[in-house]
Structure formats: structure tokens, C-alpha cells
C-alpha atoms as a PDB file:
ATOM      1  CA  MET A   1       8.575   9.078   7.583  1.00  0.00           C
ATOM      2  CA  ASP A   2      10.213   6.467   9.812  1.00  0.00           C
ATOM      3  CA  GLU A   3      10.406   3.518   7.404  1.00  0.00           C
ATOM      4  CA  GLU A   4      11.299   1.067  10.168  1.00  0.00           C
ATOM      5  CA  ARG A   5       7.906   1.608  11.794  1.00  0.00           C
ATOM      6  CA  LEU A   6       5.792   1.143   8.672  1.00  0.00           C
ATOM      7  CA  ILE A   7       3.183  -1.606   8.611  1.00  0.00           C
ATOM      8  CA  VAL A   8       1.180  -3.121   5.771  1.00  0.00           C
ATOM      9  CA  LEU A   9      -2.169  -1.452   5.226  1.00  0.00           C
ATOM     10  CA  ARG A  10      -3.149  -3.384   2.125  1.00  0.00           C
ATOM     11  CA  ASN A  11      -1.722  -5.697  -0.500  1.00  0.00           C
ATOM     12  CA  CYS A  12      -2.637  -4.570  -3.993  1.00  0.00           C
ATOM     13  CA  GLY A  13      -2.584  -6.676  -7.116  1.00  0.00           C
ATOM     14  CA  ASP A  14      -0.355  -4.275  -9.026  1.00  0.00           C
ATOM     15  CA  GLU A  15       1.417  -0.946  -8.888  1.00  0.00           C
ATOM     16  CA  ILE A  16      -1.480   0.941 -10.498  1.00  0.00           C
ATOM     17  CA  GLN A  17      -3.909  -0.161  -7.798  1.00  0.00           C
ATOM     18  CA  ALA A  18      -1.342   0.682  -5.104  1.00  0.00           C
ATOM     19  CA  GLU A  19      -0.865   4.178  -6.562  1.00  0.00           C
ATOM     20  CA  LEU A  20      -4.631   4.737  -6.525  1.00  0.00           C
ATOM     21  CA  VAL A  21      -4.773   3.749  -2.847  1.00  0.00           C
ATOM     22  CA  ARG A  22      -1.806   6.008  -2.079  1.00  0.00           C
ATOM     23  CA  GLY A  23      -3.473   8.884  -3.933  1.00  0.00           C
ATOM     24  CA  ILE A  24      -6.608   8.574  -1.812  1.00  0.00           C
ATOM     25  CA  LEU A  25      -4.548   8.462   1.380  1.00  0.00           C
ATOM     26  CA  ASN A  26      -2.376  11.388   0.300  1.00  0.00           C
ATOM     27  CA  SER A  27      -5.442  13.511  -0.474  1.00  0.00           C
ATOM     28  CA  GLU A  28      -6.496  12.973   3.157  1.00  0.00           C
ATOM     29  CA  GLY A  29      -3.062  13.804   4.557  1.00  0.00           C
ATOM     30  CA  ILE A  30      -1.900  10.266   5.315  1.00  0.00           C
ATOM     31  CA  PRO A  31       1.641   9.538   4.128  1.00  0.00           C
ATOM     32  CA  SER A  32       2.307   6.103   2.684  1.00  0.00           C
ATOM     33  CA  MET A  33       4.873   4.101   0.759  1.00  0.00           C
ATOM     34  CA  MET A  34       4.810   1.134  -1.612  1.00  0.00           C
ATOM     35  CA  ARG A  35       6.821  -2.065  -1.426  1.00  0.00           C
ATOM     36  CA  ARG A  36       6.884  -4.454  -4.370  1.00  0.00           C
ATOM     37  CA  LEU A  37       6.674  -8.100  -3.418  1.00  0.00           C
ATOM     38  CA  LEU A  38       8.830 -10.210  -5.647  1.00  0.00           C
ATOM     39  CA  ASN A  39       8.272 -13.920  -5.822  1.00  0.00           C
ATOM     40  CA  PRO A  40      11.687 -15.484  -6.456  1.00  0.00           C
ATOM     41  CA  LEU A  41      10.090 -18.309  -8.412  1.00  0.00           C
ATOM     42  CA  THR A  42       8.566 -15.917 -10.945  1.00  0.00           C
ATOM     43  CA  SER A  43      11.140 -13.118 -11.211  1.00  0.00           C
ATOM     44  CA  PRO A  44      11.415 -10.918 -13.211  1.00  0.00           C
ATOM     45  CA  TYR A  45       7.618 -11.056 -13.249  1.00  0.00           C
ATOM     46  CA  GLY A  46       7.268 -11.014  -9.472  1.00  0.00           C
ATOM     47  CA  GLU A  47       4.886  -8.074  -9.418  1.00  0.00           C
ATOM     48  CA  LEU A  48       2.359 -10.067 -11.398  1.00  0.00           C
ATOM     49  CA  PHE A  49       2.273 -12.696  -8.679  1.00  0.00           C
ATOM     50  CA  GLY A  50       3.486 -11.022  -5.494  1.00  0.00           C
ATOM     51  CA  GLY A  51       1.676  -7.727  -5.693  1.00  0.00           C
ATOM     52  CA  VAL A  52       2.506  -4.444  -4.030  1.00  0.00           C
ATOM     53  CA  ASP A  53       2.074  -3.586  -0.352  1.00  0.00           C
ATOM     54  CA  VAL A  54       0.889  -0.130   0.689  1.00  0.00           C
ATOM     55  CA  LEU A  55       2.571   0.798   3.973  1.00  0.00           C
ATOM     56  CA  VAL A  56       1.535   3.351   6.595  1.00  0.00           C
ATOM     57  CA  LEU A  57       2.551   4.296  10.109  1.00  0.00           C
ATOM     58  CA  PRO A  58       0.763   2.235  12.783  1.00  0.00           C
ATOM     59  CA  GLU A  59      -1.017   5.283  14.205  1.00  0.00           C
ATOM     60  CA  ASP A  60      -2.434   6.130  10.748  1.00  0.00           C
ATOM     61  CA  ARG A  61      -3.812   2.647  10.011  1.00  0.00           C
ATOM     62  CA  PRO A  62      -7.301   2.978  11.618  1.00  0.00           C
ATOM     63  CA  ARG A  63      -8.016   6.281   9.865  1.00  0.00           C
ATOM     64  CA  ALA A  64      -6.553   5.013   6.585  1.00  0.00           C
ATOM     65  CA  LEU A  65      -8.872   1.998   6.638  1.00  0.00           C
ATOM     66  CA  GLU A  66     -11.887   4.257   7.297  1.00  0.00           C
ATOM     67  CA  ILE A  67     -10.915   6.537   4.416  1.00  0.00           C
ATOM     68  CA  LEU A  68     -10.480   3.665   1.976  1.00  0.00           C
ATOM     69  CA  GLU A  69     -13.808   2.169   3.029  1.00  0.00           C
ATOM     70  CA  ALA A  70     -15.533   5.536   2.542  1.00  0.00           C
ATOM     71  CA  HIS A  71     -14.043   5.715  -0.977  1.00  0.00           C
ATOM     72  CA  GLY A  72     -15.036   2.146  -1.768  1.00  0.00           C
ATOM     73  CA  ALA A  73     -11.403   1.254  -2.309  1.00  0.00           C
END
């Protein structure tokens, strides 16, 4: 996967939620990655406040959104 091309699909509140989203996408053949957002004012607890982005390729975004909507995610 070309990491330089990845765009944010969704910001999740924590890593567990992001993994659930990634699992749904993976089951439908859409590759994805996670990026933790650290808030420098709250580190080392940045994940609690910054969340986790789920990233996909731009061409996969429309289908990924449809899939997540169909799963109620």
C-alpha cells in the first residue's frame, strides 16, 4: 500500500474502535492502516484525547464508506 497516498476515512475514539472498522474493511477486501493522533498537551495519554485515524487509499474511500454504513459502523 502506498502510504503517501492514504487519506483519512474516519477518526475513531480509540484503537479498539479503529480495529473494528479495519476488520470490517478487511473482510470486504479494502486495505487500511491506523494512525494514532497524539495531543502534545496530554501525552502520554494522547490516544485518549486525539483518537485514531483509519486511513484508506482515495479510490477505496467511497466503497469503504458504503460498507461501514451497511454495517452500521
